N, C-alpha and C. Protein backbone atom coordinates (compact mmCIF):
# COMPACT_ATOMS: atom_id res chain seq x y z
N UNK A 1 12.79 -16.41 -9.41
CA UNK A 1 12.21 -14.53 -8.83
C UNK A 1 14.23 -14.18 -9.62
N UNK A 2 14.00 -13.13 -10.78
CA UNK A 2 15.35 -12.15 -10.68
C UNK A 2 14.96 -10.89 -9.93
N UNK A 3 15.36 -10.52 -9.47
CA UNK A 3 15.53 -9.06 -9.25
C UNK A 3 16.75 -7.59 -9.85
N UNK A 4 15.55 -7.01 -10.96
CA UNK A 4 16.58 -5.95 -11.81
C UNK A 4 16.29 -4.76 -12.07
N UNK A 5 17.32 -3.52 -12.50
CA UNK A 5 17.22 -1.88 -12.73
C UNK A 5 16.79 -2.83 -13.92
N UNK A 6 15.37 -1.99 -14.30
CA UNK A 6 15.12 -1.63 -15.88
C UNK A 6 15.15 -0.86 -16.36
N UNK A 7 15.68 -0.49 -17.76
CA UNK A 7 16.00 0.14 -19.11
C UNK A 7 15.48 0.86 -19.94
N UNK A 8 15.16 2.03 -19.63
CA UNK A 8 13.97 3.23 -20.33
C UNK A 8 14.10 2.53 -21.75
N UNK A 9 12.89 2.41 -22.34
CA UNK A 9 12.68 2.31 -23.77
C UNK A 9 12.81 1.08 -24.14
N UNK A 10 13.20 -0.03 -23.13
CA UNK A 10 13.41 -1.81 -23.34
C UNK A 10 12.24 -2.40 -23.72
N UNK A 11 12.75 -3.58 -23.84
CA UNK A 11 11.28 -4.74 -24.08
C UNK A 11 11.24 -4.52 -22.10
N UNK A 12 12.18 -4.48 -21.32
CA UNK A 12 11.52 -4.88 -20.31
C UNK A 12 10.25 -3.52 -19.39
N UNK A 13 11.23 -2.66 -20.44
CA UNK A 13 10.08 -1.34 -20.17
C UNK A 13 8.50 -1.78 -20.46
N UNK A 14 9.05 -1.72 -21.86
CA UNK A 14 6.96 -1.90 -22.25
C UNK A 14 6.39 -2.82 -21.31
N UNK A 15 7.05 -3.91 -20.76
CA UNK A 15 6.44 -4.49 -19.95
C UNK A 15 5.88 -3.91 -18.82
N UNK A 16 7.27 -3.32 -18.13
CA UNK A 16 6.09 -2.76 -17.24
C UNK A 16 5.60 -1.71 -17.03
N UNK A 17 5.21 -0.81 -18.23
CA UNK A 17 3.80 -0.88 -18.62
C UNK A 17 2.60 -0.74 -18.44
N UNK A 18 2.95 -1.87 -19.62
CA UNK A 18 1.45 -3.00 -19.28
C UNK A 18 0.73 -3.60 -18.09
N UNK A 19 1.45 -3.89 -16.73
CA UNK A 19 1.80 -4.12 -16.10
C UNK A 19 1.39 -3.35 -14.83
N UNK A 20 1.63 -2.04 -15.38
CA UNK A 20 0.84 -0.72 -14.48
C UNK A 20 0.07 -0.17 -14.59
N UNK A 21 -0.16 -0.35 -16.31
CA UNK A 21 -2.11 0.36 -17.00
C UNK A 21 -2.95 -0.70 -16.20
N UNK A 22 -2.15 -2.16 -16.42
CA UNK A 22 -3.36 -3.17 -16.22
C UNK A 22 -3.59 -2.55 -14.54
N UNK A 23 -2.81 -2.44 -13.42
CA UNK A 23 -2.87 -3.02 -12.01
C UNK A 23 -3.43 -1.81 -11.07
N UNK A 24 -2.81 -0.60 -12.26
CA UNK A 24 -3.11 1.07 -11.47
C UNK A 24 -3.62 1.94 -11.71
N UNK A 25 -3.60 1.90 -13.46
CA UNK A 25 -4.52 2.64 -14.14
C UNK A 25 -6.00 2.54 -14.79
N UNK A 26 -5.65 1.20 -15.35
CA UNK A 26 -7.19 1.19 -16.57
C UNK A 26 -8.22 0.75 -15.42
N UNK A 27 -7.43 0.27 -13.86
CA UNK A 27 -9.34 -0.36 -12.84
C UNK A 27 -9.68 1.15 -12.30
N UNK A 28 -9.05 2.02 -12.47
CA UNK A 28 -10.09 3.80 -12.22
C UNK A 28 -9.38 4.42 -13.63
N UNK A 29 -10.50 3.55 -15.00
CA UNK A 29 -10.46 4.68 -16.36
C UNK A 29 -9.25 5.25 -16.63
N UNK A 30 -7.95 5.28 -16.09
CA UNK A 30 -6.98 6.58 -16.27
C UNK A 30 -5.50 5.39 -17.29
N UNK A 31 -5.01 6.26 -17.99
CA UNK A 31 -3.24 5.73 -18.74
C UNK A 31 -2.74 6.98 -18.41
N UNK A 32 -1.50 7.14 -18.73
CA UNK A 32 0.26 7.66 -18.30
C UNK A 32 -0.20 9.19 -19.43
N UNK A 33 0.11 9.85 -20.10
CA UNK A 33 0.57 11.21 -20.88
C UNK A 33 1.75 10.93 -21.27
N UNK A 34 1.90 10.99 -22.57
CA UNK A 34 3.04 11.15 -23.02
C UNK A 34 4.56 12.32 -22.43
N UNK A 35 3.80 13.34 -22.16
CA UNK A 35 4.95 14.03 -20.19
C UNK A 35 4.83 12.98 -19.70
N UNK A 36 4.15 12.34 -18.87
CA UNK A 36 4.61 11.22 -17.89
C UNK A 36 5.69 10.01 -18.36
N UNK A 37 5.94 9.72 -19.35
CA UNK A 37 6.17 8.26 -19.38
C UNK A 37 7.55 9.29 -19.88
N UNK A 38 7.75 9.99 -20.82
CA UNK A 38 9.37 10.74 -21.01
C UNK A 38 9.70 11.39 -19.38
N UNK A 39 9.20 11.45 -18.46
CA UNK A 39 9.99 11.83 -17.29
C UNK A 39 10.89 10.15 -16.77
N UNK A 40 9.84 8.64 -17.53
CA UNK A 40 10.47 8.05 -16.56
C UNK A 40 11.84 7.75 -17.06
N UNK A 41 12.81 8.07 -17.92
CA UNK A 41 13.85 7.94 -18.54
C UNK A 41 15.17 8.34 -17.38
N UNK A 42 14.59 9.35 -16.16
CA UNK A 42 15.18 9.82 -15.15
C UNK A 42 14.93 8.77 -14.14
N UNK A 43 14.34 8.47 -13.99
CA UNK A 43 13.89 7.79 -12.46
C UNK A 43 14.57 6.71 -12.48
N UNK A 44 14.80 5.37 -11.93
CA UNK A 44 15.25 4.64 -10.97
C UNK A 44 14.11 3.42 -11.54
N UNK A 45 14.25 2.29 -12.41
CA UNK A 45 12.92 1.76 -12.44
C UNK A 45 13.39 0.14 -12.07
N UNK A 46 12.75 -1.00 -11.35
CA UNK A 46 12.96 -1.78 -10.48
C UNK A 46 11.66 -2.94 -11.29
N UNK A 47 12.67 -4.37 -11.44
CA UNK A 47 11.57 -4.99 -11.36
C UNK A 47 11.28 -5.94 -11.36
N UNK A 48 10.76 -6.97 -10.53
CA UNK A 48 10.48 -9.11 -10.57
C UNK A 48 10.95 -9.59 -11.69
N UNK A 49 11.38 -9.76 -12.20
CA UNK A 49 10.65 -11.47 -13.22
C UNK A 49 10.92 -12.59 -12.78
N UNK A 50 10.62 -13.36 -13.52
CA UNK A 50 10.68 -14.74 -13.49
C UNK A 50 10.40 -15.61 -15.13
N UNK A 51 11.91 -15.83 -15.38
CA UNK A 51 11.51 -16.54 -16.66
C UNK A 51 11.72 -15.66 -18.25
N UNK A 52 11.97 -14.48 -17.44
CA UNK A 52 12.05 -13.04 -18.23
C UNK A 52 10.11 -12.23 -18.27
N UNK A 53 9.54 -13.07 -17.58
CA UNK A 53 8.22 -12.80 -17.22
C UNK A 53 8.31 -11.52 -16.24
N UNK A 54 8.30 -10.09 -16.69
CA UNK A 54 7.56 -9.42 -15.36
C UNK A 54 6.59 -9.47 -14.35
N UNK A 55 6.85 -9.97 -13.13
CA UNK A 55 5.61 -10.34 -12.01
C UNK A 55 5.40 -8.76 -11.38
N UNK A 56 6.08 -7.86 -11.23
CA UNK A 56 6.37 -6.62 -10.50
C UNK A 56 7.25 -6.00 -10.56
N UNK A 57 6.73 -4.55 -10.13
CA UNK A 57 7.47 -3.58 -10.35
C UNK A 57 7.92 -2.09 -9.78
N UNK A 58 8.48 -1.19 -9.81
CA UNK A 58 8.68 0.15 -9.10
C UNK A 58 9.31 0.84 -9.65
N UNK A 59 9.37 2.35 -9.22
CA UNK A 59 10.42 2.65 -9.37
C UNK A 59 10.55 3.87 -7.96
N UNK A 60 11.94 4.58 -8.61
CA UNK A 60 12.43 5.86 -8.36
C UNK A 60 12.97 7.20 -8.36
N UNK A 61 12.07 7.58 -7.45
CA UNK A 61 12.09 9.03 -8.59
C UNK A 61 12.77 10.23 -7.11
N UNK A 62 13.79 11.12 -7.42
CA UNK A 62 14.81 11.67 -6.74
C UNK A 62 13.51 12.51 -6.63
N UNK A 63 13.67 13.46 -4.74
CA UNK A 63 12.85 14.07 -4.71
C UNK A 63 14.26 15.42 -4.15
N UNK A 64 15.87 14.94 -3.49
CA UNK A 64 16.36 15.47 -3.63
C UNK A 64 18.25 14.54 -2.70
N UNK A 65 19.30 15.47 -2.26
CA UNK A 65 20.34 14.59 -2.05
C UNK A 65 19.58 13.48 -1.09
N UNK A 66 19.20 13.65 -0.17
CA UNK A 66 18.99 12.61 0.86
C UNK A 66 17.98 11.81 0.81
N UNK A 67 16.56 12.23 -0.59
CA UNK A 67 14.92 11.85 -0.17
C UNK A 67 14.91 11.27 -1.26
N UNK A 68 14.22 9.73 -1.58
CA UNK A 68 14.08 10.04 -3.02
C UNK A 68 11.82 9.19 -2.57
N UNK A 69 11.60 9.17 -3.88
CA UNK A 69 10.15 8.72 -3.59
C UNK A 69 10.16 7.60 -4.28
N UNK A 70 8.66 7.30 -3.44
CA UNK A 70 8.41 5.41 -4.68
C UNK A 70 7.34 5.82 -4.87
N UNK A 71 7.78 5.13 -6.47
CA UNK A 71 6.52 4.90 -7.11
C UNK A 71 6.06 3.68 -7.76
N UNK A 72 4.13 4.35 -8.09
CA UNK A 72 3.84 3.05 -9.41
C UNK A 72 4.13 1.22 -8.94
N UNK A 73 4.31 0.79 -7.40
CA UNK A 73 3.99 -0.60 -6.89
C UNK A 73 3.63 -1.38 -7.35
N UNK A 74 3.70 -2.23 -9.15
CA UNK A 74 2.76 -3.75 -9.09
C UNK A 74 2.97 -4.77 -9.11
N UNK A 75 2.32 -5.10 -8.78
CA UNK A 75 2.08 -7.10 -8.71
C UNK A 75 1.43 -7.87 -9.90
N UNK A 76 1.97 -8.84 -9.98
CA UNK A 76 0.81 -8.90 -11.23
C UNK A 76 -0.51 -9.12 -10.88
N UNK A 77 -1.77 -9.36 -10.84
CA UNK A 77 -2.79 -9.88 -10.47
C UNK A 77 -2.41 -11.28 -9.86
N UNK A 78 -3.38 -12.16 -9.37
CA UNK A 78 -3.29 -13.86 -8.96
C UNK A 78 -1.85 -13.76 -8.42
N UNK A 79 -0.75 -12.79 -7.85
CA UNK A 79 0.28 -12.81 -7.68
C UNK A 79 0.82 -12.04 -6.62
N UNK A 80 -0.67 -11.26 -6.31
CA UNK A 80 -0.15 -10.47 -4.71
C UNK A 80 -0.58 -11.16 -3.32
N UNK A 81 0.10 -10.49 -2.72
CA UNK A 81 -0.02 -11.48 -1.23
C UNK A 81 1.13 -12.73 -1.17
N UNK A 82 1.33 -12.74 -2.34
CA UNK A 82 2.62 -13.98 -2.23
C UNK A 82 4.23 -13.57 -2.29
N UNK A 83 4.42 -12.09 -1.70
CA UNK A 83 5.35 -12.11 -1.09
C UNK A 83 6.64 -10.73 -2.49
N UNK A 84 5.54 -11.01 -3.64
CA UNK A 84 7.04 -9.76 -4.39
C UNK A 84 6.52 -8.88 -3.79
N UNK A 85 5.97 -8.17 -3.65
CA UNK A 85 6.13 -6.99 -3.45
C UNK A 85 6.87 -6.40 -1.95
N UNK A 86 6.95 -7.30 -1.20
CA UNK A 86 8.29 -7.26 -0.31
C UNK A 86 9.24 -6.94 -0.68
N UNK A 87 9.25 -8.39 -1.35
CA UNK A 87 10.70 -8.92 -2.28
C UNK A 87 11.27 -7.23 -2.89
N UNK A 88 10.14 -6.52 -3.45
CA UNK A 88 10.58 -5.35 -4.56
C UNK A 88 10.46 -4.24 -3.38
N UNK A 89 9.78 -4.33 -2.71
CA UNK A 89 10.12 -3.01 -1.33
C UNK A 89 11.84 -3.31 -0.69
N UNK A 90 11.98 -4.22 -0.25
CA UNK A 90 13.31 -4.44 -0.53
C UNK A 90 14.18 -4.22 -1.01
N UNK A 91 14.58 -4.59 -2.40
CA UNK A 91 15.06 -4.39 -3.58
C UNK A 91 15.30 -3.09 -3.63
N UNK A 92 14.47 -2.56 -3.84
CA UNK A 92 14.35 -0.23 -3.67
C UNK A 92 15.05 -0.08 -2.51
N UNK A 93 14.19 -0.44 -1.35
CA UNK A 93 15.24 0.32 -0.35
C UNK A 93 17.28 -0.40 -0.19
N UNK A 94 17.76 -0.90 -0.35
CA UNK A 94 18.66 -1.25 -0.60
C UNK A 94 19.42 -0.15 -2.47
N UNK A 95 18.87 -0.34 -3.25
CA UNK A 95 18.96 0.46 -4.04
C UNK A 95 18.88 1.77 -3.79
N UNK A 96 18.44 2.35 -3.50
CA UNK A 96 17.87 3.91 -2.44
C UNK A 96 19.54 4.19 -1.20
N UNK A 97 19.60 3.26 -0.88
CA UNK A 97 20.84 2.86 0.15
C UNK A 97 21.87 2.93 -0.48
N UNK A 98 22.11 2.08 -1.68
CA UNK A 98 23.42 2.38 -2.12
C UNK A 98 23.83 3.85 -3.07
N UNK A 99 23.14 4.51 -3.49
CA UNK A 99 22.67 6.32 -3.83
C UNK A 99 22.80 6.76 -3.44
N UNK A 100 22.81 6.27 -1.58
CA UNK A 100 22.87 7.49 -0.59
C UNK A 100 21.88 7.90 0.00
N UNK A 101 20.51 7.31 -0.54
CA UNK A 101 19.36 7.79 0.11
C UNK A 101 19.00 7.83 1.26
N UNK A 102 18.50 8.76 2.01
CA UNK A 102 18.19 8.31 3.40
C UNK A 102 17.20 8.23 4.12
N UNK A 103 16.02 8.74 2.93
CA UNK A 103 14.79 8.34 3.45
C UNK A 103 14.08 8.61 1.80
N UNK A 104 12.36 7.49 2.01
CA UNK A 104 12.20 7.04 1.09
C UNK A 104 10.64 7.71 1.71
N UNK A 105 10.00 7.95 0.97
CA UNK A 105 8.53 8.50 0.53
C UNK A 105 7.53 7.67 -0.25
N UNK A 106 6.60 8.22 0.16
CA UNK A 106 5.16 7.55 -0.96
C UNK A 106 3.82 8.31 -0.45
N UNK A 107 3.57 8.34 -1.49
CA UNK A 107 1.58 8.53 -1.83
C UNK A 107 1.19 7.16 -1.97
N UNK A 108 0.64 6.48 -0.86
CA UNK A 108 0.49 4.66 -1.15
C UNK A 108 -1.35 5.34 -0.42
N UNK A 109 -1.55 4.96 -1.71
CA UNK A 109 -3.77 4.20 -1.17
C UNK A 109 -3.35 3.69 0.14
N UNK A 110 -4.38 4.55 0.34
CA UNK A 110 -5.38 4.07 1.82
C UNK A 110 -5.31 2.77 1.99
N UNK A 111 -5.67 2.05 1.35
CA UNK A 111 -5.94 0.33 0.91
C UNK A 111 -4.48 -0.70 1.54
N UNK A 112 -3.42 0.20 1.39
CA UNK A 112 -2.66 -0.42 1.26
C UNK A 112 -1.34 0.42 2.77
N UNK A 113 -1.62 0.36 3.25
CA UNK A 113 -1.12 1.17 4.97
C UNK A 113 -1.25 -0.06 5.21
N UNK A 114 -1.71 -0.79 5.56
CA UNK A 114 -1.27 -2.11 6.50
C UNK A 114 0.31 -2.61 5.65
N UNK A 115 -0.27 -3.23 4.56
CA UNK A 115 1.42 -3.84 3.66
C UNK A 115 2.51 -2.46 3.87
N UNK A 116 2.39 -1.64 4.02
CA UNK A 116 3.98 -0.96 4.15
C UNK A 116 4.04 -0.63 5.50
N UNK A 117 3.08 -0.16 6.49
CA UNK A 117 3.08 -0.07 7.70
C UNK A 117 4.08 -1.15 8.37
N UNK A 118 3.50 -2.84 7.67
CA UNK A 118 4.62 -4.18 8.36
C UNK A 118 5.84 -3.58 7.62
N UNK A 119 6.63 -2.81 6.78
CA UNK A 119 8.33 -2.58 6.33
C UNK A 119 8.44 -1.59 7.50
N UNK A 120 7.83 -0.92 8.48
CA UNK A 120 8.64 -0.47 8.31
C UNK A 120 8.38 1.11 8.42
N UNK A 121 7.58 1.32 7.18
CA UNK A 121 6.75 2.93 7.19
C UNK A 121 5.77 3.73 7.48
N UNK A 122 5.74 4.79 7.78
CA UNK A 122 5.11 5.32 8.75
C UNK A 122 4.28 6.73 8.57
N UNK A 123 3.03 7.19 8.15
CA UNK A 123 1.57 7.99 7.67
C UNK A 123 2.52 9.22 8.60
N UNK A 124 2.53 10.34 7.49
CA UNK A 124 3.18 11.70 7.43
C UNK A 124 1.67 12.76 7.05
N UNK A 125 1.03 12.61 7.22
CA UNK A 125 -0.25 13.73 6.91
C UNK A 125 -1.49 12.92 6.73
N UNK A 126 -1.88 13.58 6.53
CA UNK A 126 -3.37 13.89 6.23
C UNK A 126 -3.75 12.74 4.95
N UNK A 127 -4.87 11.85 4.99
CA UNK A 127 -4.86 11.29 3.70
C UNK A 127 -5.48 12.89 2.49
N UNK A 128 -5.43 12.19 1.42
CA UNK A 128 -5.95 13.32 -0.11
C UNK A 128 -6.12 12.30 -1.14
N UNK A 129 -6.68 13.31 -2.05
CA UNK A 129 -7.31 12.53 -3.48
C UNK A 129 -6.11 12.56 -3.98
N UNK A 130 -5.86 11.40 -4.60
CA UNK A 130 -4.75 11.31 -5.68
C UNK A 130 -5.77 10.61 -7.04
N UNK A 131 -5.72 10.42 -8.37
CA UNK A 131 -6.25 10.18 -9.49
C UNK A 131 -7.44 9.66 -8.70
N UNK A 132 -7.93 10.27 -7.98
CA UNK A 132 -9.45 10.09 -8.12
C UNK A 132 -9.32 8.41 -6.41
N UNK A 133 -8.54 8.37 -5.58
CA UNK A 133 -8.76 7.60 -4.96
C UNK A 133 -7.85 8.30 -3.62
N UNK A 134 -8.21 7.90 -2.59
CA UNK A 134 -7.32 8.70 -1.07
C UNK A 134 -6.10 7.48 -0.75
N UNK A 135 -5.33 8.66 -0.73
CA UNK A 135 -3.61 8.30 -0.36
C UNK A 135 -3.18 9.06 1.26
N UNK A 136 -1.76 8.72 1.71
CA UNK A 136 -1.76 9.32 2.72
C UNK A 136 0.23 9.41 1.89
N UNK A 137 0.52 10.25 2.85
CA UNK A 137 1.98 10.09 2.51
C UNK A 137 2.77 9.80 3.76
N UNK A 138 3.84 8.59 3.26
CA UNK A 138 3.75 7.21 3.90
C UNK A 138 6.06 7.76 3.24
N UNK A 139 6.55 7.66 5.09
CA UNK A 139 8.06 7.48 4.62
C UNK A 139 8.84 6.43 5.20
N UNK A 140 9.74 6.00 5.60
CA UNK A 140 10.82 5.78 6.57
C UNK A 140 12.46 5.55 5.96
N UNK A 141 12.66 6.71 7.18
CA UNK A 141 14.65 6.52 7.06
C UNK A 141 15.01 5.16 6.93
N UNK A 142 16.05 5.47 6.26
CA UNK A 142 16.82 4.50 5.82
C UNK A 142 17.51 4.10 6.43
């Protein structure tokens, strides 16, 4: 397993798009807009690879000098529950700390609250609908 930063526009980034579409958007009947994807050039893109095959990914988006938002955490179907998401989260937290962020926030699907709770995140607000499904803001001080 290799954890690394992904460069926007590369073959690894294309793998990231395929994985995120498959896991996060296609089940909802949605896709990414060109505008949404163009903004990703400014984000920190992270991936977990096994023999050059992307098994999981996420991204960090700066909200302020102190705070970063985790977005688009996805793990290949069939590999979920095997620790890849946890390893990616630890990697994302370490990258955020290295960049001097003090807090990670996210819009987490209600169904993923137990996963993030085990990693020390807590719910910080009431549920809301995003991309047709219930979410909550979760956060963690680093």
